[in-house]
Amino acid sequence: MLSCKELVAHSSDFLDGQLSLRERLSVRAHLAMCRHCRRFIRQMKVTQGVLRALPDAAIPELDALAERLAQQRRQP
């Protein structure tokens, strides 16, 4: 069975459907036994959904805000 550290290393490939059958079965076996990793995978799925919902084009207002915040942080 995979360790939690190994599951985290495989998590992106698991969520993207890029694991072999054997690897998927190992991940699923670990998830069946480990509630912490199940929570981690659920959080990763939510994160992926949020990122996919973001607009593709840059939003100029956000870039300007980020620049202002960076400048304020640099000031003593």
PDB file of N, CA and C in Angstrom:
ATOM      1  N   MET A   1       0.846  -1.187   0.000  1.00  0.00           N
ATOM      2  CA  MET A   1       0.000   0.000   0.000  1.00  0.00           C
ATOM      3  C   MET A   1       0.886   1.243   0.000  1.00  0.00           C
ATOM      4  N   LEU A   2       0.408   2.278  -0.647  1.00  0.00           N
ATOM      5  CA  LEU A   2       1.140   3.540  -0.714  1.00  0.00           C
ATOM      6  C   LEU A   2       1.192   4.213   0.649  1.00  0.00           C
ATOM      7  N   SER A   3       2.256   4.962   0.885  1.00  0.00           N
ATOM      8  CA  SER A   3       2.301   5.837   2.053  1.00  0.00           C
ATOM      9  C   SER A   3       1.572   7.135   1.694  1.00  0.00           C
ATOM     10  N   CYS A   4       1.280   7.936   2.697  1.00  0.00           N
ATOM     11  CA  CYS A   4       0.630   9.223   2.442  1.00  0.00           C
ATOM     12  C   CYS A   4       1.510  10.101   1.545  1.00  0.00           C
ATOM     13  N   LYS A   5       2.802  10.072   1.793  1.00  0.00           N
ATOM     14  CA  LYS A   5       3.739  10.872   0.986  1.00  0.00           C
ATOM     15  C   LYS A   5       3.701  10.424  -0.483  1.00  0.00           C
ATOM     16  N   GLU A   6       3.636   9.132  -0.714  1.00  0.00           N
ATOM     17  CA  GLU A   6       3.574   8.615  -2.080  1.00  0.00           C
ATOM     18  C   GLU A   6       2.244   9.003  -2.738  1.00  0.00           C
ATOM     19  N   LEU A   7       1.156   8.964  -1.962  1.00  0.00           N
ATOM     20  CA  LEU A   7      -0.137   9.349  -2.515  1.00  0.00           C
ATOM     21  C   LEU A   7      -0.109  10.808  -2.960  1.00  0.00           C
ATOM     22  N   VAL A   8       0.455  11.672  -2.134  1.00  0.00           N
ATOM     23  CA  VAL A   8       0.535  13.091  -2.497  1.00  0.00           C
ATOM     24  C   VAL A   8       1.334  13.251  -3.791  1.00  0.00           C
ATOM     25  N   ALA A   9       2.410  12.495  -3.923  1.00  0.00           N
ATOM     26  CA  ALA A   9       3.232  12.575  -5.134  1.00  0.00           C
ATOM     27  C   ALA A   9       2.462  12.145  -6.378  1.00  0.00           C
ATOM     28  N   HIS A  10       1.513  11.229  -6.218  1.00  0.00           N
ATOM     29  CA  HIS A  10       0.726  10.729  -7.352  1.00  0.00           C
ATOM     30  C   HIS A  10      -0.611  11.451  -7.515  1.00  0.00           C
ATOM     31  N   SER A  11      -0.947  12.348  -6.622  1.00  0.00           N
ATOM     32  CA  SER A  11      -2.296  12.915  -6.589  1.00  0.00           C
ATOM     33  C   SER A  11      -2.686  13.649  -7.874  1.00  0.00           C
ATOM     34  N   SER A  12      -1.809  14.459  -8.421  1.00  0.00           N
ATOM     35  CA  SER A  12      -2.155  15.196  -9.645  1.00  0.00           C
ATOM     36  C   SER A  12      -2.399  14.245 -10.805  1.00  0.00           C
ATOM     37  N   ASP A  13      -1.531  13.260 -10.948  1.00  0.00           N
ATOM     38  CA  ASP A  13      -1.716  12.282 -12.019  1.00  0.00           C
ATOM     39  C   ASP A  13      -2.997  11.473 -11.801  1.00  0.00           C
ATOM     40  N   PHE A  14      -3.310  11.164 -10.559  1.00  0.00           N
ATOM     41  CA  PHE A  14      -4.547  10.444 -10.245  1.00  0.00           C
ATOM     42  C   PHE A  14      -5.764  11.271 -10.663  1.00  0.00           C
ATOM     43  N   LEU A  15      -5.779  12.533 -10.273  1.00  0.00           N
ATOM     44  CA  LEU A  15      -6.920  13.391 -10.589  1.00  0.00           C
ATOM     45  C   LEU A  15      -7.037  13.665 -12.086  1.00  0.00           C
ATOM     46  N   ASP A  16      -5.914  13.653 -12.783  1.00  0.00           N
ATOM     47  CA  ASP A  16      -5.929  13.885 -14.229  1.00  0.00           C
ATOM     48  C   ASP A  16      -6.152  12.599 -15.028  1.00  0.00           C
ATOM     49  N   GLY A  17      -6.289  11.463 -14.323  1.00  0.00           N
ATOM     50  CA  GLY A  17      -6.525  10.192 -15.008  1.00  0.00           C
ATOM     51  C   GLY A  17      -5.322   9.680 -15.763  1.00  0.00           C
ATOM     52  N   GLN A  18      -4.125   9.966 -15.258  1.00  0.00           N
ATOM     53  CA  GLN A  18      -2.904   9.598 -15.977  1.00  0.00           C
ATOM     54  C   GLN A  18      -2.137   8.452 -15.319  1.00  0.00           C
ATOM     55  N   LEU A  19      -2.771   7.717 -14.415  1.00  0.00           N
ATOM     56  CA  LEU A  19      -2.092   6.595 -13.763  1.00  0.00           C
ATOM     57  C   LEU A  19      -2.458   5.284 -14.449  1.00  0.00           C
ATOM     58  N   SER A  20      -1.564   4.325 -14.345  1.00  0.00           N
ATOM     59  CA  SER A  20      -1.862   2.983 -14.849  1.00  0.00           C
ATOM     60  C   SER A  20      -2.911   2.341 -13.939  1.00  0.00           C
ATOM     61  N   LEU A  21      -3.459   1.251 -14.381  1.00  0.00           N
ATOM     62  CA  LEU A  21      -4.466   0.540 -13.589  1.00  0.00           C
ATOM     63  C   LEU A  21      -3.899   0.159 -12.224  1.00  0.00           C
ATOM     64  N   ARG A  22      -2.708  -0.382 -12.210  1.00  0.00           N
ATOM     65  CA  ARG A  22      -2.080  -0.794 -10.948  1.00  0.00           C
ATOM     66  C   ARG A  22      -1.907   0.401 -10.010  1.00  0.00           C
ATOM     67  N   GLU A  23      -1.457   1.543 -10.543  1.00  0.00           N
ATOM     68  CA  GLU A  23      -1.274   2.741  -9.721  1.00  0.00           C
ATOM     69  C   GLU A  23      -2.616   3.269  -9.197  1.00  0.00           C
ATOM     70  N   ARG A  24      -3.633   3.262 -10.062  1.00  0.00           N
ATOM     71  CA  ARG A  24      -4.968   3.705  -9.620  1.00  0.00           C
ATOM     72  C   ARG A  24      -5.499   2.830  -8.499  1.00  0.00           C
ATOM     73  N   LEU A  25      -5.304   1.528  -8.631  1.00  0.00           N
ATOM     74  CA  LEU A  25      -5.758   0.614  -7.585  1.00  0.00           C
ATOM     75  C   LEU A  25      -5.011   0.864  -6.274  1.00  0.00           C
ATOM     76  N   SER A  26      -3.724   1.148  -6.358  1.00  0.00           N
ATOM     77  CA  SER A  26      -2.941   1.449  -5.156  1.00  0.00           C
ATOM     78  C   SER A  26      -3.436   2.723  -4.485  1.00  0.00           C
ATOM     79  N   VAL A  27      -3.720   3.733  -5.289  1.00  0.00           N
ATOM     80  CA  VAL A  27      -4.232   4.991  -4.751  1.00  0.00           C
ATOM     81  C   VAL A  27      -5.589   4.758  -4.110  1.00  0.00           C
ATOM     82  N   ARG A  28      -6.479   4.051  -4.793  1.00  0.00           N
ATOM     83  CA  ARG A  28      -7.820   3.798  -4.252  1.00  0.00           C
ATOM     84  C   ARG A  28      -7.764   2.977  -2.968  1.00  0.00           C
ATOM     85  N   ALA A  29      -6.851   2.009  -2.899  1.00  0.00           N
ATOM     86  CA  ALA A  29      -6.708   1.204  -1.678  1.00  0.00           C
ATOM     87  C   ALA A  29      -6.267   2.093  -0.515  1.00  0.00           C
ATOM     88  N   HIS A  30      -5.337   2.992  -0.790  1.00  0.00           N
ATOM     89  CA  HIS A  30      -4.873   3.906   0.260  1.00  0.00           C
ATOM     90  C   HIS A  30      -6.009   4.829   0.696  1.00  0.00           C
ATOM     91  N   LEU A  31      -6.743   5.368  -0.262  1.00  0.00           N
ATOM     92  CA  LEU A  31      -7.843   6.274   0.065  1.00  0.00           C
ATOM     93  C   LEU A  31      -8.937   5.575   0.879  1.00  0.00           C
ATOM     94  N   ALA A  32      -9.130   4.288   0.647  1.00  0.00           N
ATOM     95  CA  ALA A  32     -10.129   3.540   1.405  1.00  0.00           C
ATOM     96  C   ALA A  32      -9.750   3.440   2.881  1.00  0.00           C
ATOM     97  N   MET A  33      -8.459   3.524   3.163  1.00  0.00           N
ATOM     98  CA  MET A  33      -7.980   3.358   4.533  1.00  0.00           C
ATOM     99  C   MET A  33      -7.603   4.666   5.233  1.00  0.00           C
ATOM    100  N   CYS A  34      -7.406   5.739   4.481  1.00  0.00           N
ATOM    101  CA  CYS A  34      -6.827   6.959   5.056  1.00  0.00           C
ATOM    102  C   CYS A  34      -7.761   8.163   4.867  1.00  0.00           C
ATOM    103  N   ARG A  35      -8.396   8.575   5.940  1.00  0.00           N
ATOM    104  CA  ARG A  35      -9.341   9.697   5.830  1.00  0.00           C
ATOM    105  C   ARG A  35      -8.625  11.016   5.558  1.00  0.00           C
ATOM    106  N   HIS A  36      -7.390  11.142   6.009  1.00  0.00           N
ATOM    107  CA  HIS A  36      -6.646  12.388   5.769  1.00  0.00           C
ATOM    108  C   HIS A  36      -6.360  12.560   4.275  1.00  0.00           C
ATOM    109  N   CYS A  37      -5.988  11.486   3.634  1.00  0.00           N
ATOM    110  CA  CYS A  37      -5.716  11.566   2.197  1.00  0.00           C
ATOM    111  C   CYS A  37      -7.006  11.731   1.399  1.00  0.00           C
ATOM    112  N   ARG A  38      -8.107  11.149   1.873  1.00  0.00           N
ATOM    113  CA  ARG A  38      -9.395  11.392   1.205  1.00  0.00           C
ATOM    114  C   ARG A  38      -9.736  12.873   1.262  1.00  0.00           C
ATOM    115  N   ARG A  39      -9.507  13.487   2.411  1.00  0.00           N
ATOM    116  CA  ARG A  39      -9.763  14.920   2.546  1.00  0.00           C
ATOM    117  C   ARG A  39      -8.833  15.712   1.618  1.00  0.00           C
ATOM    118  N   PHE A  40      -7.573  15.308   1.551  1.00  0.00           N
ATOM    119  CA  PHE A  40      -6.615  15.974   0.674  1.00  0.00           C
ATOM    120  C   PHE A  40      -7.072  15.907  -0.785  1.00  0.00           C
ATOM    121  N   ILE A  41      -7.502  14.734  -1.233  1.00  0.00           N
ATOM    122  CA  ILE A  41      -7.955  14.565  -2.622  1.00  0.00           C
ATOM    123  C   ILE A  41      -9.206  15.397  -2.873  1.00  0.00           C
ATOM    124  N   ARG A  42     -10.135  15.442  -1.915  1.00  0.00           N
ATOM    125  CA  ARG A  42     -11.328  16.289  -2.080  1.00  0.00           C
ATOM    126  C   ARG A  42     -10.922  17.752  -2.225  1.00  0.00           C
ATOM    127  N   GLN A  43      -9.980  18.196  -1.416  1.00  0.00           N
ATOM    128  CA  GLN A  43      -9.515  19.584  -1.499  1.00  0.00           C
ATOM    129  C   GLN A  43      -8.836  19.854  -2.833  1.00  0.00           C
ATOM    130  N   MET A  44      -8.078  18.894  -3.322  1.00  0.00           N
ATOM    131  CA  MET A  44      -7.431  19.047  -4.629  1.00  0.00           C
ATOM    132  C   MET A  44      -8.480  19.157  -5.743  1.00  0.00           C
ATOM    133  N   LYS A  45      -9.556  18.367  -5.655  1.00  0.00           N
ATOM    134  CA  LYS A  45     -10.618  18.439  -6.656  1.00  0.00           C
ATOM    135  C   LYS A  45     -11.293  19.801  -6.643  1.00  0.00           C
ATOM    136  N   VAL A  46     -11.543  20.328  -5.446  1.00  0.00           N
ATOM    137  CA  VAL A  46     -12.150  21.659  -5.330  1.00  0.00           C
ATOM    138  C   VAL A  46     -11.210  22.702  -5.926  1.00  0.00           C
ATOM    139  N   THR A  47      -9.937  22.599  -5.614  1.00  0.00           N
ATOM    140  CA  THR A  47      -8.947  23.548  -6.143  1.00  0.00           C
ATOM    141  C   THR A  47      -8.912  23.500  -7.664  1.00  0.00           C
ATOM    142  N   GLN A  48      -8.913  22.306  -8.231  1.00  0.00           N
ATOM    143  CA  GLN A  48      -8.929  22.174  -9.689  1.00  0.00           C
ATOM    144  C   GLN A  48     -10.168  22.828 -10.277  1.00  0.00           C
ATOM    145  N   GLY A  49     -11.315  22.620  -9.647  1.00  0.00           N
ATOM    146  CA  GLY A  49     -12.555  23.215 -10.134  1.00  0.00           C
ATOM    147  C   GLY A  49     -12.516  24.725 -10.110  1.00  0.00           C
ATOM    148  N   VAL A  50     -11.982  25.287  -9.037  1.00  0.00           N
ATOM    149  CA  VAL A  50     -11.874  26.745  -8.924  1.00  0.00           C
ATOM    150  C   VAL A  50     -10.931  27.281  -9.991  1.00  0.00           C
ATOM    151  N   LEU A  51      -9.798  26.628 -10.166  1.00  0.00           N
ATOM    152  CA  LEU A  51      -8.835  27.095 -11.169  1.00  0.00           C
ATOM    153  C   LEU A  51      -9.395  27.002 -12.584  1.00  0.00           C
ATOM    154  N   ARG A  52     -10.160  25.963 -12.844  1.00  0.00           N
ATOM    155  CA  ARG A  52     -10.763  25.828 -14.182  1.00  0.00           C
ATOM    156  C   ARG A  52     -11.823  26.894 -14.426  1.00  0.00           C
ATOM    157  N   ALA A  53     -12.443  27.385 -13.349  1.00  0.00           N
ATOM    158  CA  ALA A  53     -13.498  28.395 -13.483  1.00  0.00           C
ATOM    159  C   ALA A  53     -12.936  29.802 -13.670  1.00  0.00           C
ATOM    160  N   LEU A  54     -11.648  29.996 -13.409  1.00  0.00           N
ATOM    161  CA  LEU A  54     -11.048  31.317 -13.584  1.00  0.00           C
ATOM    162  C   LEU A  54     -10.991  31.684 -15.064  1.00  0.00           C
ATOM    163  N   PRO A  55     -11.105  32.961 -15.358  1.00  0.00           N
ATOM    164  CA  PRO A  55     -11.006  33.376 -16.768  1.00  0.00           C
ATOM    165  C   PRO A  55      -9.600  33.138 -17.313  1.00  0.00           C
ATOM    166  N   ASP A  56      -9.535  32.836 -18.589  1.00  0.00           N
ATOM    167  CA  ASP A  56      -8.244  32.590 -19.228  1.00  0.00           C
ATOM    168  C   ASP A  56      -7.435  33.867 -19.404  1.00  0.00           C
ATOM    169  N   ALA A  57      -8.116  34.960 -19.709  1.00  0.00           N
ATOM    170  CA  ALA A  57      -7.423  36.221 -19.966  1.00  0.00           C
ATOM    171  C   ALA A  57      -7.048  36.902 -18.648  1.00  0.00           C
ATOM    172  N   ALA A  58      -5.941  37.602 -18.663  1.00  0.00           N
ATOM    173  CA  ALA A  58      -5.513  38.361 -17.497  1.00  0.00           C
ATOM    174  C   ALA A  58      -6.479  39.520 -17.253  1.00  0.00           C
ATOM    175  N   ILE A  59      -6.706  39.821 -16.010  1.00  0.00           N
ATOM    176  CA  ILE A  59      -7.585  40.932 -15.639  1.00  0.00           C
ATOM    177  C   ILE A  59      -6.691  42.091 -15.212  1.00  0.00           C
ATOM    178  N   PRO A  60      -6.664  43.165 -15.990  1.00  0.00           N
ATOM    179  CA  PRO A  60      -5.734  44.274 -15.713  1.00  0.00           C
ATOM    180  C   PRO A  60      -5.868  44.834 -14.298  1.00  0.00           C
ATOM    181  N   GLU A  61      -7.085  44.894 -13.775  1.00  0.00           N
ATOM    182  CA  GLU A  61      -7.279  45.449 -12.434  1.00  0.00           C
ATOM    183  C   GLU A  61      -6.554  44.604 -11.386  1.00  0.00           C
ATOM    184  N   LEU A  62      -6.572  43.298 -11.571  1.00  0.00           N
ATOM    185  CA  LEU A  62      -5.895  42.423 -10.616  1.00  0.00           C
ATOM    186  C   LEU A  62      -4.389  42.576 -10.700  1.00  0.00           C
ATOM    187  N   ASP A  63      -3.878  42.723 -11.909  1.00  0.00           N
ATOM    188  CA  ASP A  63      -2.444  42.929 -12.075  1.00  0.00           C
ATOM    189  C   ASP A  63      -2.015  44.233 -11.421  1.00  0.00           C
ATOM    190  N   ALA A  64      -2.801  45.286 -11.592  1.00  0.00           N
ATOM    191  CA  ALA A  64      -2.479  46.579 -10.981  1.00  0.00           C
ATOM    192  C   ALA A  64      -2.543  46.480  -9.465  1.00  0.00           C
ATOM    193  N   LEU A  65      -3.539  45.783  -8.936  1.00  0.00           N
ATOM    194  CA  LEU A  65      -3.657  45.605  -7.496  1.00  0.00           C
ATOM    195  C   LEU A  65      -2.469  44.832  -6.942  1.00  0.00           C
ATOM    196  N   ALA A  66      -2.084  43.772  -7.619  1.00  0.00           N
ATOM    197  CA  ALA A  66      -0.937  42.975  -7.179  1.00  0.00           C
ATOM    198  C   ALA A  66       0.331  43.817  -7.169  1.00  0.00           C
ATOM    199  N   GLU A  67       0.509  44.653  -8.165  1.00  0.00           N
ATOM    200  CA  GLU A  67       1.687  45.517  -8.230  1.00  0.00           C
ATOM    201  C   GLU A  67       1.690  46.521  -7.075  1.00  0.00           C
ATOM    202  N   ARG A  68       0.536  47.139  -6.803  1.00  0.00           N
ATOM    203  CA  ARG A  68       0.434  48.094  -5.689  1.00  0.00           C
ATOM    204  C   ARG A  68       0.751  47.417  -4.360  1.00  0.00           C
ATOM    205  N   LEU A  69       0.223  46.229  -4.151  1.00  0.00           N
ATOM    206  CA  LEU A  69       0.489  45.507  -2.903  1.00  0.00           C
ATOM    207  C   LEU A  69       1.959  45.149  -2.775  1.00  0.00           C
ATOM    208  N   ALA A  70       2.574  44.760  -3.876  1.00  0.00           N
ATOM    209  CA  ALA A  70       3.997  44.447  -3.855  1.00  0.00           C
ATOM    210  C   ALA A  70       4.831  45.681  -3.523  1.00  0.00           C
ATOM    211  N   GLN A  71       4.456  46.831  -4.071  1.00  0.00           N
ATOM    212  CA  GLN A  71       5.177  48.069  -3.780  1.00  0.00           C
ATOM    213  C   GLN A  71       5.023  48.458  -2.312  1.00  0.00           C
ATOM    214  N   GLN A  72       3.815  48.321  -1.777  1.00  0.00           N
ATOM    215  CA  GLN A  72       3.587  48.646  -0.368  1.00  0.00           C
ATOM    216  C   GLN A  72       4.381  47.745   0.550  1.00  0.00           C
ATOM    217  N   ARG A  73       4.503  46.504   0.169  1.00  0.00           N
ATOM    218  CA  ARG A  73       5.252  45.538   0.985  1.00  0.00           C
ATOM    219  C   ARG A  73       6.742  45.870   1.001  1.00  0.00           C
ATOM    220  N   ARG A  74       7.244  46.397  -0.100  1.00  0.00           N
ATOM    221  CA  ARG A  74       8.665  46.748  -0.194  1.00  0.00           C
ATOM    222  C   ARG A  74       9.016  47.993   0.613  1.00  0.00           C
ATOM    223  N   GLN A  75       8.020  48.855   0.877  1.00  0.00           N
ATOM    224  CA  GLN A  75       8.273  50.084   1.608  1.00  0.00           C
ATOM    225  C   GLN A  75       8.478  49.772   3.091  1.00  0.00           C
ATOM    226  N   PRO A  76       9.434  50.493   3.716  1.00  0.00           N
ATOM    227  CA  PRO A  76       9.694  50.250   5.148  1.00  0.00           C
ATOM    228  C   PRO A  76       8.589  50.735   6.049  1.00  0.00           C
TER     229      PRO A  76
END
